[in-house]
Amino acid sequence: MEIIFWISLFIIFYTYLGYGFILYLILLIRRIIKGKRPEIFYDWDDLPTCTLLIAAYNEENFISEKIRNTLALEYPDGKLEVIFITDGSTDRTPDILKEYPQIKLLHQTERKGKIAAMHRALAYVKTEVIIFTDANTELNKDALCKISRHYADESVGAVAGEKRIKVKELADAGTAGEGFYWRYESILKNWDSELYSTIGAAGELFSVRSDLYQTVENDTILDDFMISMLIALKGYRIIYEPEAYAIETASENITEELKRKIRIAAGGIQSILRLKELLNIFRFGTLSFQYISHRVLRWTISPFLLVLVLILNILIPVYNDNPIYSLLLLGQVIFYLLAILGLIFEKRQLRVKLFFIPYYFCVMNYAVLAGLKRYLGNQQSAVWEKAKRKNVT
């Protein structure tokens, strides 16, 4: 039991913190030997032609602001085309878009899901680069330039932007937890990119070389992740660009955030099964190491090990009175009590930031277990059921 306990504890630590430490240590040694990576400069006239592709389903509450933000983006004249796909929308989203002749609108009444809409739009793409973003996000003015400059490097097949969450001072657990999670994720993604390749991209803002885009199955849950990783499988790198960012509001509440996380977890299991060749570290080397460390462990065994470690930590002190086990058990009990207090305070709308991280961590890992059950039970649709977002004020 003790051997299993320590191995499990090590895997948990490695999954959530240890990989980041190792990654930073490797990069620190590399920087000492080779120096910091040089800043990438670009010539305005040398940027590639680009299509900004935005799938929008019933987004009338956000679409006007999205249009204003999109038309204000900086990019060389004649090199940018903007396409909105509004398939299946039953509100005023298509009508609002029709008022802007500089935007190409693709609309059909039938809703087949985001992936089908994206694949349909590809027939209209004639540019070197495709940049994907969501309809409920706001991009910084030079985001497209910051992303496209990386394609001067022929080894780069995709570029992922940064996702940022609007967090107010008196944020609830869902908002604060999601904001903290994405700040930590951004650090890991940046380090992954410096080592070799970022592992996947988030749909809020990412891009690919048009000639490398590979269609995915219509039942794909995490289309953004799969599209980018299929490019990585071909031997191209995915670069992370934190200076190109998409800002969005957090989920309306922790229930909506949980719904989103369960879907992502189900999609994670599906992705692992469809990218099983990437588990072969002898074939893919550094990419496999990053993939397993950053994604696979989170989406598979680590949530189960959290339960196992707690149970073993209760049983082991029965026959082994080593104080280290009592201290570890006390630490676990305090952590989960903080999470429970976070749940209680969240329901009573009391904002105590001390409890946000334990609570959100437990919610995130519960979502993995629920997502696994949903996927194995064939209960997860590929058609996106949007999580409700907080009002932009």
Protein backbone atom coordinates (compact mmCIF):
# COMPACT_ATOMS: atom_id res chain seq x y z
CA MET A 1 0.00 0.00 0.00
CA GLU A 2 2.81 2.41 0.86
CA ILE A 3 4.52 1.88 -2.51
CA ILE A 4 1.24 2.50 -4.34
CA PHE A 5 0.61 5.55 -2.14
CA TRP A 6 3.97 7.19 -2.90
CA ILE A 7 3.84 6.41 -6.61
CA SER A 8 0.32 7.83 -6.81
CA LEU A 9 1.29 10.91 -4.81
CA PHE A 10 4.27 11.49 -7.10
CA ILE A 11 2.09 11.26 -10.24
CA ILE A 12 -0.42 13.73 -8.77
CA PHE A 13 2.32 16.20 -7.86
CA TYR A 14 3.98 15.77 -11.24
CA THR A 15 0.70 16.29 -13.11
CA TYR A 16 -0.29 19.56 -11.50
CA LEU A 17 3.02 21.13 -10.40
CA GLY A 18 6.03 18.92 -11.05
CA TYR A 19 5.87 19.07 -14.83
CA GLY A 20 5.97 22.85 -14.66
CA PHE A 21 9.05 22.74 -12.39
CA ILE A 22 10.86 20.31 -14.69
CA LEU A 23 9.91 22.32 -17.75
CA TYR A 24 11.22 25.52 -16.22
CA LEU A 25 14.45 23.83 -15.11
CA ILE A 26 15.10 22.49 -18.62
CA LEU A 27 14.48 25.92 -20.14
CA LEU A 28 16.65 27.63 -17.53
CA ILE A 29 19.59 25.37 -18.44
CA ARG A 30 18.94 25.92 -22.14
CA ARG A 31 18.83 29.71 -21.69
CA ILE A 32 22.14 29.65 -19.80
CA ILE A 33 23.78 27.66 -22.62
CA LYS A 34 22.10 29.24 -25.66
CA GLY A 35 20.77 32.51 -24.28
CA LYS A 36 17.17 33.74 -24.40
CA ARG A 37 15.26 33.21 -27.60
CA PRO A 38 15.41 36.35 -29.75
CA GLU A 39 12.31 38.48 -30.22
CA ILE A 40 10.61 37.90 -33.56
CA PHE A 41 10.35 41.00 -35.70
CA TYR A 42 8.28 41.15 -38.86
CA ASP A 43 7.92 43.27 -41.94
CA TRP A 44 4.36 44.56 -42.40
CA ASP A 45 4.46 43.83 -46.14
CA ASP A 46 5.76 40.27 -45.67
CA LEU A 47 2.87 39.02 -43.52
CA PRO A 48 0.95 36.17 -45.20
CA THR A 49 -2.56 36.45 -46.58
CA CYS A 50 -5.04 35.56 -43.90
CA THR A 51 -8.69 34.59 -43.38
CA LEU A 52 -10.33 35.26 -40.03
CA LEU A 53 -12.98 32.58 -39.55
CA ILE A 54 -15.68 33.05 -36.93
CA ALA A 55 -18.47 30.57 -36.23
CA ALA A 56 -21.41 32.32 -34.55
CA TYR A 57 -24.54 30.56 -33.35
CA ASN A 58 -27.28 32.77 -31.85
CA GLU A 59 -24.83 35.46 -30.73
CA GLU A 60 -27.01 38.56 -31.18
CA ASN A 61 -26.05 39.79 -27.70
CA PHE A 62 -22.34 39.80 -28.60
CA ILE A 63 -22.20 40.08 -32.39
CA SER A 64 -22.26 43.87 -32.76
CA GLU A 65 -19.35 44.27 -30.36
CA LYS A 66 -17.53 41.41 -32.12
CA ILE A 67 -17.97 43.12 -35.50
CA ARG A 68 -16.62 46.41 -34.15
CA ASN A 69 -13.65 44.64 -32.64
CA THR A 70 -12.99 42.64 -35.82
CA LEU A 71 -13.09 45.63 -38.17
CA ALA A 72 -10.67 47.49 -35.90
CA LEU A 73 -7.99 44.77 -36.12
CA GLU A 74 -4.72 45.78 -37.74
CA TYR A 75 -3.53 43.90 -40.83
CA PRO A 76 -2.08 44.88 -44.25
CA ASP A 77 -4.66 46.10 -46.76
CA GLY A 78 -5.79 43.44 -49.21
CA LYS A 79 -4.35 40.57 -47.16
CA LEU A 80 -7.21 39.91 -44.76
CA GLU A 81 -10.63 38.39 -45.41
CA VAL A 82 -13.26 38.00 -42.69
CA ILE A 83 -15.82 35.17 -42.81
CA PHE A 84 -18.67 34.63 -40.36
CA ILE A 85 -20.59 31.32 -40.41
CA THR A 86 -23.99 31.49 -38.71
CA ASP A 87 -25.48 28.12 -39.69
CA GLY A 88 -28.60 27.25 -37.72
CA SER A 89 -28.91 30.62 -35.98
CA THR A 90 -32.52 31.50 -35.23
CA ASP A 91 -31.97 34.98 -33.76
CA ARG A 92 -30.86 38.25 -35.43
CA THR A 93 -27.19 37.29 -35.76
CA PRO A 94 -27.25 36.80 -39.59
CA ASP A 95 -29.35 39.96 -40.11
CA ILE A 96 -26.89 42.09 -38.14
CA LEU A 97 -23.95 40.72 -40.14
CA LYS A 98 -25.68 41.47 -43.45
CA GLU A 99 -25.33 45.18 -42.68
CA TYR A 100 -21.55 44.94 -43.19
CA PRO A 101 -20.57 44.36 -46.85
CA GLN A 102 -16.87 44.03 -45.97
CA ILE A 103 -17.70 40.78 -44.14
CA LYS A 104 -18.45 37.56 -46.00
CA LEU A 105 -21.48 35.90 -44.41
CA LEU A 106 -22.19 32.19 -44.79
CA HIS A 107 -25.56 31.12 -43.49
CA GLN A 108 -27.89 28.18 -43.84
CA THR A 109 -30.92 27.34 -41.75
CA GLU A 110 -29.84 23.80 -40.87
CA ARG A 111 -27.64 23.40 -37.81
CA LYS A 112 -25.09 20.61 -38.12
CA GLY A 113 -22.66 21.82 -35.46
CA LYS A 114 -19.57 23.98 -35.35
CA ILE A 115 -17.28 21.49 -37.10
CA ALA A 116 -19.58 21.06 -40.07
CA ALA A 117 -19.90 24.85 -40.35
CA MET A 118 -16.12 25.29 -40.29
CA HIS A 119 -15.59 22.59 -42.90
CA ARG A 120 -18.21 24.22 -45.13
CA ALA A 121 -16.43 27.56 -44.83
CA LEU A 122 -13.09 26.12 -45.93
CA ALA A 123 -14.29 26.03 -49.54
CA TYR A 124 -14.24 29.86 -49.43
CA VAL A 125 -10.74 30.18 -47.97
CA LYS A 126 -8.10 31.21 -50.53
CA THR A 127 -5.40 32.54 -48.16
CA GLU A 128 -2.17 31.10 -46.77
CA VAL A 129 -3.29 31.21 -43.14
CA ILE A 130 -6.60 30.62 -41.34
CA ILE A 131 -7.19 32.23 -37.95
CA PHE A 132 -10.10 30.93 -35.85
CA THR A 133 -11.76 32.88 -33.06
CA ASP A 134 -15.04 32.77 -31.15
CA ALA A 135 -17.90 35.21 -31.55
CA ASN A 136 -18.01 36.12 -27.85
CA THR A 137 -14.36 37.15 -27.54
CA GLU A 138 -12.49 40.41 -28.02
CA LEU A 139 -9.05 40.41 -29.68
CA ASN A 140 -6.25 42.91 -29.16
CA LYS A 141 -5.64 45.18 -32.17
CA ASP A 142 -2.41 43.58 -33.37
CA ALA A 143 -3.38 39.98 -32.55
CA LEU A 144 -3.47 38.85 -36.19
CA CYS A 145 -0.05 40.37 -36.91
CA LYS A 146 1.47 38.81 -33.80
CA ILE A 147 0.16 35.41 -34.81
CA SER A 148 0.96 35.55 -38.52
CA ARG A 149 4.59 36.65 -38.04
CA HIS A 150 5.48 33.14 -36.86
CA TYR A 151 4.70 31.61 -40.25
CA ALA A 152 7.97 32.98 -41.60
CA ASP A 153 9.41 29.89 -39.88
CA GLU A 154 8.62 26.90 -42.09
CA SER A 155 8.68 24.51 -39.10
CA VAL A 156 5.61 26.26 -37.64
CA GLY A 157 2.30 24.70 -38.65
CA ALA A 158 -0.05 26.33 -36.14
CA VAL A 159 -0.05 29.24 -33.71
CA ALA A 160 -2.13 29.43 -30.54
CA GLY A 161 -3.14 32.73 -28.99
CA GLU A 162 -3.74 33.37 -25.31
CA LYS A 163 -7.11 33.13 -23.60
CA ARG A 164 -7.81 35.73 -20.92
CA ILE A 165 -10.73 35.85 -18.51
CA LYS A 166 -12.21 39.12 -17.26
CA VAL A 167 -11.96 38.93 -13.48
CA LYS A 168 -13.45 41.57 -11.22
CA GLU A 169 -12.11 42.26 -7.73
CA LEU A 170 -15.20 40.70 -6.14
CA ALA A 171 -15.26 37.70 -8.47
CA ASP A 172 -17.05 34.50 -7.54
CA ALA A 173 -15.33 31.11 -7.30
CA GLY A 174 -16.10 30.21 -10.91
CA THR A 175 -14.69 33.46 -12.29
CA ALA A 176 -11.64 33.61 -10.04
CA GLY A 177 -10.91 29.91 -10.43
CA GLU A 178 -11.22 30.01 -14.21
CA GLY A 179 -9.05 33.12 -14.35
CA PHE A 180 -6.33 31.56 -12.18
CA TYR A 181 -6.45 28.32 -14.17
CA TRP A 182 -5.91 30.11 -17.49
CA ARG A 183 -3.06 32.22 -16.09
CA TYR A 184 -1.30 29.04 -14.97
CA GLU A 185 -2.10 27.34 -18.28
CA SER A 186 -0.66 30.29 -20.19
CA ILE A 187 2.64 29.93 -18.34
CA LEU A 188 2.83 26.21 -19.16
CA LYS A 189 1.85 26.79 -22.78
CA ASN A 190 4.53 29.43 -23.16
CA TRP A 191 7.17 27.11 -21.70
CA ASP A 192 5.94 24.20 -23.83
CA SER A 193 6.29 26.37 -26.92
CA GLU A 194 9.82 27.39 -25.97
CA LEU A 195 10.87 23.79 -25.37
CA TYR A 196 9.36 22.47 -28.62
CA SER A 197 5.61 22.75 -29.18
CA THR A 198 2.50 23.87 -27.35
CA ILE A 199 0.12 20.96 -26.79
CA GLY A 200 -3.05 21.87 -28.63
CA ALA A 201 -4.83 25.18 -29.06
CA ALA A 202 -7.93 26.76 -27.57
CA GLY A 203 -10.73 27.74 -29.95
CA GLU A 204 -10.92 31.30 -28.61
CA LEU A 205 -7.90 32.17 -30.81
CA PHE A 206 -5.70 29.90 -32.90
CA SER A 207 -4.43 29.61 -36.46
CA VAL A 208 -3.10 27.06 -38.93
CA ARG A 209 -1.43 27.00 -42.32
CA SER A 210 -4.28 26.51 -44.78
CA ASP A 211 -2.53 23.74 -46.68
CA LEU A 212 -2.00 21.75 -43.44
CA TYR A 213 -5.60 21.92 -42.26
CA GLN A 214 -7.01 18.42 -41.92
CA THR A 215 -10.72 17.85 -41.51
CA VAL A 216 -11.79 16.02 -38.38
CA GLU A 217 -14.76 13.73 -37.84
CA ASN A 218 -18.09 15.51 -37.37
CA ASP A 219 -18.49 13.96 -33.92
CA THR A 220 -15.23 15.51 -32.67
CA ILE A 221 -15.82 17.25 -29.35
CA LEU A 222 -12.59 19.27 -29.06
CA ASP A 223 -12.17 20.31 -32.68
CA ASP A 224 -9.63 23.05 -31.93
CA PHE A 225 -7.39 20.66 -30.00
CA MET A 226 -7.64 17.91 -32.61
CA ILE A 227 -7.06 20.21 -35.61
CA SER A 228 -3.89 21.63 -34.07
CA MET A 229 -2.55 18.28 -32.82
CA LEU A 230 -3.04 16.60 -36.20
CA ILE A 231 -0.69 19.25 -37.58
CA ALA A 232 1.80 18.48 -34.80
CA LEU A 233 1.63 14.80 -35.76
CA LYS A 234 2.89 15.78 -39.21
CA GLY A 235 6.09 17.11 -37.66
CA TYR A 236 5.19 20.80 -37.43
CA ARG A 237 5.37 22.88 -34.27
CA ILE A 238 2.52 24.68 -32.53
CA ILE A 239 3.76 28.05 -31.28
CA TYR A 240 2.20 29.88 -28.36
CA GLU A 241 1.85 33.63 -28.80
CA PRO A 242 0.83 35.40 -25.54
CA GLU A 243 0.91 38.82 -27.23
CA ALA A 244 -2.12 37.77 -29.29
CA TYR A 245 -5.00 37.29 -26.92
CA ALA A 246 -8.74 36.77 -26.78
CA ILE A 247 -10.64 38.21 -23.83
CA GLU A 248 -13.95 36.78 -22.71
CA THR A 249 -16.11 36.89 -19.62
CA ALA A 250 -16.15 33.92 -17.29
CA SER A 251 -18.93 31.36 -17.07
CA GLU A 252 -22.06 32.78 -15.48
CA ASN A 253 -21.59 30.59 -12.40
CA ILE A 254 -19.80 27.47 -11.24
CA THR A 255 -22.62 25.27 -12.56
CA GLU A 256 -22.11 26.63 -16.08
CA GLU A 257 -18.34 26.26 -15.72
CA LEU A 258 -18.79 22.64 -14.60
CA LYS A 259 -20.93 21.96 -17.67
CA ARG A 260 -18.14 23.32 -19.87
CA LYS A 261 -15.43 21.36 -18.05
CA ILE A 262 -17.33 18.07 -18.31
CA ARG A 263 -17.63 18.54 -22.05
CA ILE A 264 -13.92 19.30 -22.33
CA ALA A 265 -13.08 16.24 -20.24
CA ALA A 266 -15.22 14.02 -22.47
CA GLY A 267 -13.48 15.53 -25.47
CA GLY A 268 -10.12 14.90 -23.83
CA ILE A 269 -10.81 11.17 -23.55
CA GLN A 270 -11.96 11.10 -27.17
CA SER A 271 -8.81 12.93 -28.26
CA ILE A 272 -6.52 10.53 -26.41
CA LEU A 273 -8.15 7.57 -28.14
CA ARG A 274 -7.86 9.23 -31.56
CA LEU A 275 -4.28 10.36 -30.98
CA LYS A 276 -3.10 7.10 -29.42
CA GLU A 277 -0.04 6.94 -31.68
CA LEU A 278 1.22 10.08 -29.95
CA LEU A 279 1.65 8.04 -26.75
CA ASN A 280 4.68 6.40 -28.39
CA ILE A 281 7.50 8.48 -26.91
CA PHE A 282 10.11 6.51 -28.86
CA ARG A 283 8.57 7.76 -32.11
CA PHE A 284 7.57 11.32 -31.20
CA GLY A 285 10.11 12.08 -28.46
CA THR A 286 9.70 15.53 -26.92
CA LEU A 287 6.20 16.01 -28.32
CA SER A 288 5.00 12.79 -26.63
CA PHE A 289 6.68 13.79 -23.37
CA GLN A 290 4.87 17.13 -23.41
CA TYR A 291 1.55 15.60 -24.49
CA ILE A 292 1.52 12.92 -21.80
CA SER A 293 2.72 15.28 -19.07
CA HIS A 294 0.48 18.25 -19.88
CA ARG A 295 -2.71 16.57 -21.08
CA VAL A 296 -2.96 12.78 -20.81
CA LEU A 297 -2.30 12.51 -17.08
CA ARG A 298 -4.86 15.24 -16.31
CA TRP A 299 -7.51 13.65 -18.48
CA THR A 300 -7.04 10.05 -17.31
CA ILE A 301 -5.51 8.71 -14.09
CA SER A 302 -4.74 11.74 -11.91
CA PRO A 303 -8.34 12.40 -10.73
CA PHE A 304 -8.66 8.71 -9.77
CA LEU A 305 -5.34 8.85 -7.94
CA LEU A 306 -6.58 11.77 -5.83
CA VAL A 307 -9.30 9.48 -4.44
CA LEU A 308 -6.90 6.55 -4.05
CA VAL A 309 -4.29 8.62 -2.18
CA LEU A 310 -6.89 9.84 0.31
CA ILE A 311 -8.16 6.31 0.99
CA LEU A 312 -4.63 4.88 1.36
CA ASN A 313 -3.61 7.79 3.58
CA ILE A 314 -6.47 6.88 5.94
CA LEU A 315 -5.55 3.16 5.99
CA ILE A 316 -1.73 3.29 6.24
CA PRO A 317 -1.50 5.02 9.68
CA VAL A 318 -3.45 2.06 11.14
CA TYR A 319 -0.29 -0.08 11.01
CA ASN A 320 2.43 2.52 10.37
CA ASP A 321 2.70 5.32 12.93
CA ASN A 322 5.25 7.32 10.95
CA PRO A 323 4.23 10.97 11.53
CA ILE A 324 4.74 11.82 7.85
CA TYR A 325 1.53 9.97 7.00
CA SER A 326 -0.41 11.82 9.69
CA LEU A 327 0.89 15.16 8.41
CA LEU A 328 -0.02 14.29 4.81
CA LEU A 329 -3.49 13.18 5.90
CA LEU A 330 -3.94 16.40 7.86
CA GLY A 331 -2.90 18.39 4.78
CA GLN A 332 -5.42 16.56 2.61
CA VAL A 333 -8.21 17.02 5.14
CA ILE A 334 -7.51 20.77 5.40
CA PHE A 335 -7.40 21.11 1.61
CA TYR A 336 -10.75 19.36 1.09
CA LEU A 337 -12.32 21.25 3.99
CA LEU A 338 -11.30 24.48 2.28
CA ALA A 339 -12.92 23.17 -0.91
CA ILE A 340 -16.15 22.35 0.97
CA LEU A 341 -16.11 25.80 2.55
CA GLY A 342 -15.62 27.22 -0.92
CA LEU A 343 -18.76 25.38 -2.05
CA ILE A 344 -20.77 26.63 0.94
CA PHE A 345 -19.55 30.21 0.56
CA GLU A 346 -20.20 30.14 -3.18
CA LYS A 347 -23.83 29.13 -2.63
CA ARG A 348 -24.20 31.94 -0.10
CA GLN A 349 -22.42 34.36 -2.47
CA LEU A 350 -19.63 35.06 0.02
CA ARG A 351 -16.35 35.98 -1.70
CA VAL A 352 -13.36 34.48 0.16
CA LYS A 353 -10.49 33.99 -2.29
CA LEU A 354 -8.67 31.56 0.04
CA PHE A 355 -11.24 28.90 -0.83
CA PHE A 356 -11.47 29.51 -4.59
CA ILE A 357 -8.47 27.46 -5.70
CA PRO A 358 -9.22 24.28 -3.65
CA TYR A 359 -12.87 24.46 -4.70
CA TYR A 360 -12.12 25.00 -8.40
CA PHE A 361 -9.45 22.26 -8.33
CA CYS A 362 -11.99 19.76 -6.98
CA VAL A 363 -14.62 20.88 -9.49
CA MET A 364 -12.11 20.47 -12.32
CA ASN A 365 -11.19 16.93 -11.29
CA TYR A 366 -14.81 15.93 -10.68
CA ALA A 367 -15.49 17.13 -14.23
CA VAL A 368 -12.89 14.69 -15.57
CA LEU A 369 -14.63 11.76 -13.84
CA ALA A 370 -18.05 12.94 -15.03
CA GLY A 371 -16.71 13.55 -18.55
CA LEU A 372 -15.23 10.05 -18.71
CA LYS A 373 -18.56 8.55 -17.65
CA ARG A 374 -20.42 10.67 -20.19
CA TYR A 375 -18.08 9.76 -23.06
CA LEU A 376 -18.04 6.03 -22.29
CA GLY A 377 -21.83 6.14 -22.01
CA ASN A 378 -22.01 7.81 -25.43
CA GLN A 379 -23.93 10.72 -23.91
CA GLN A 380 -21.79 13.62 -25.16
CA SER A 381 -22.92 15.32 -28.36
CA ALA A 382 -20.42 17.10 -30.59
CA VAL A 383 -22.92 19.96 -31.03
CA TRP A 384 -21.79 22.64 -28.63
CA GLU A 385 -24.18 23.53 -25.82
CA LYS A 386 -22.84 26.94 -24.88
CA ALA A 387 -22.10 27.71 -21.27
CA LYS A 388 -23.83 30.91 -20.20
CA ARG A 389 -21.37 33.77 -19.77
CA LYS A 390 -21.50 36.75 -17.44
CA ASN A 391 -22.83 39.99 -18.91
CA VAL A 392 -20.14 42.37 -20.17
CA THR A 393 -20.36 45.46 -17.97
